[in-house]
Amino acid sequence: MLFVQGTRDEMADVSLIESTIEAMRGIATLQRVRDGDHSFRVRAASGRSQPQVFDEVLDAIDDWLDRLLER
């Protein structure tokens, strides 16, 4: 299971996700989107465009799927 969460996401408690991942003993992963909110939107000060951020999210999903298929 892959969780993707922005580091500024006010709608989800990262500690709950982290405890869930720990309880799942290695079958769950958390990918943080630096400076992202709940919709992965970043502030202009982040230095990244929204398309760049969405590419990062898609790359994280692609990497996770690759690892899953290697099992």
C-alpha atoms as a PDB file:
ATOM      1  CA  MET A   1       0.000   0.000   0.000  1.00  0.00           C
ATOM      2  CA  LEU A   2       1.291   3.433  -0.884  1.00  0.00           C
ATOM      3  CA  PHE A   3       0.318   6.560   1.000  1.00  0.00           C
ATOM      4  CA  VAL A   4       1.165   9.900  -0.628  1.00  0.00           C
ATOM      5  CA  GLN A   5       0.839  12.929   1.610  1.00  0.00           C
ATOM      6  CA  GLY A   6       1.872  16.557   1.429  1.00  0.00           C
ATOM      7  CA  THR A   7       3.974  17.823   4.306  1.00  0.00           C
ATOM      8  CA  ARG A   8       1.490  20.703   4.761  1.00  0.00           C
ATOM      9  CA  ASP A   9      -1.594  18.484   4.610  1.00  0.00           C
ATOM     10  CA  GLU A  10      -3.905  19.662   7.384  1.00  0.00           C
ATOM     11  CA  MET A  11      -6.599  17.090   6.599  1.00  0.00           C
ATOM     12  CA  ALA A  12      -4.593  13.992   7.492  1.00  0.00           C
ATOM     13  CA  ASP A  13      -2.640  13.276  10.659  1.00  0.00           C
ATOM     14  CA  VAL A  14       0.751  11.964   9.554  1.00  0.00           C
ATOM     15  CA  SER A  15       1.283  10.241  12.910  1.00  0.00           C
ATOM     16  CA  LEU A  16      -1.781   8.061  12.235  1.00  0.00           C
ATOM     17  CA  ILE A  17      -0.456   7.141   8.807  1.00  0.00           C
ATOM     18  CA  GLU A  18       2.985   6.394  10.254  1.00  0.00           C
ATOM     19  CA  SER A  19       1.506   4.145  12.945  1.00  0.00           C
ATOM     20  CA  THR A  20      -0.567   2.348  10.304  1.00  0.00           C
ATOM     21  CA  ILE A  21       2.523   1.803   8.176  1.00  0.00           C
ATOM     22  CA  GLU A  22       4.422   0.474  11.182  1.00  0.00           C
ATOM     23  CA  ALA A  23       1.586  -1.915  12.008  1.00  0.00           C
ATOM     24  CA  MET A  24       1.546  -3.179   8.430  1.00  0.00           C
ATOM     25  CA  ARG A  25       5.148  -4.365   8.853  1.00  0.00           C
ATOM     26  CA  GLY A  26       6.767  -3.408   5.589  1.00  0.00           C
ATOM     27  CA  ILE A  27       3.845  -3.742   3.187  1.00  0.00           C
ATOM     28  CA  ALA A  28       3.015  -0.025   3.294  1.00  0.00           C
ATOM     29  CA  THR A  29       5.071   2.993   2.286  1.00  0.00           C
ATOM     30  CA  LEU A  30       4.689   6.722   2.858  1.00  0.00           C
ATOM     31  CA  GLN A  31       5.801   9.146   0.155  1.00  0.00           C
ATOM     32  CA  ARG A  32       5.886  12.718   1.386  1.00  0.00           C
ATOM     33  CA  VAL A  33       5.372  15.607  -1.015  1.00  0.00           C
ATOM     34  CA  ARG A  34       7.612  18.366   0.287  1.00  0.00           C
ATOM     35  CA  ASP A  35       5.614  21.558   0.919  1.00  0.00           C
ATOM     36  CA  GLY A  36       2.458  20.005  -0.552  1.00  0.00           C
ATOM     37  CA  ASP A  37      -1.015  20.442   0.869  1.00  0.00           C
ATOM     38  CA  HIS A  38      -3.800  17.848   0.751  1.00  0.00           C
ATOM     39  CA  SER A  39      -4.029  18.255  -3.047  1.00  0.00           C
ATOM     40  CA  PHE A  40      -0.219  18.335  -3.426  1.00  0.00           C
ATOM     41  CA  ARG A  41      -0.340  22.036  -4.222  1.00  0.00           C
ATOM     42  CA  VAL A  42       2.877  23.802  -3.269  1.00  0.00           C
ATOM     43  CA  ARG A  43       3.638  27.412  -2.482  1.00  0.00           C
ATOM     44  CA  ALA A  44       5.485  29.460  -5.111  1.00  0.00           C
ATOM     45  CA  ALA A  45       8.348  29.779  -2.613  1.00  0.00           C
ATOM     46  CA  SER A  46       8.953  26.036  -2.956  1.00  0.00           C
ATOM     47  CA  GLY A  47      10.659  26.727  -6.281  1.00  0.00           C
ATOM     48  CA  ARG A  48       8.709  23.992  -8.037  1.00  0.00           C
ATOM     49  CA  SER A  49       5.853  24.281 -10.501  1.00  0.00           C
ATOM     50  CA  GLN A  50       2.657  22.317 -10.027  1.00  0.00           C
ATOM     51  CA  PRO A  51       3.403  20.088 -13.039  1.00  0.00           C
ATOM     52  CA  GLN A  52       6.803  19.285 -11.488  1.00  0.00           C
ATOM     53  CA  VAL A  53       5.122  18.281  -8.249  1.00  0.00           C
ATOM     54  CA  PHE A  54       2.606  16.081 -10.046  1.00  0.00           C
ATOM     55  CA  ASP A  55       5.502  14.477 -11.953  1.00  0.00           C
ATOM     56  CA  GLU A  56       7.179  13.730  -8.596  1.00  0.00           C
ATOM     57  CA  VAL A  57       3.988  12.076  -7.356  1.00  0.00           C
ATOM     58  CA  LEU A  58       3.649  10.031 -10.537  1.00  0.00           C
ATOM     59  CA  ASP A  59       7.323   9.011 -10.319  1.00  0.00           C
ATOM     60  CA  ALA A  60       6.795   7.868  -6.728  1.00  0.00           C
ATOM     61  CA  ILE A  61       3.790   5.785  -7.792  1.00  0.00           C
ATOM     62  CA  ASP A  62       5.742   4.340 -10.718  1.00  0.00           C
ATOM     63  CA  ASP A  63       8.696   3.426  -8.458  1.00  0.00           C
ATOM     64  CA  TRP A  64       6.360   1.834  -5.926  1.00  0.00           C
ATOM     65  CA  LEU A  65       4.656  -0.216  -8.644  1.00  0.00           C
ATOM     66  CA  ASP A  66       8.041  -1.334  -9.992  1.00  0.00           C
ATOM     67  CA  ARG A  67       9.057  -2.556  -6.523  1.00  0.00           C
ATOM     68  CA  LEU A  68       5.707  -4.297  -6.104  1.00  0.00           C
ATOM     69  CA  LEU A  69       6.075  -6.132  -9.404  1.00  0.00           C
ATOM     70  CA  GLU A  70       9.614  -7.240  -8.513  1.00  0.00           C
ATOM     71  CA  ARG A  71       8.335  -9.263  -5.531  1.00  0.00           C
END
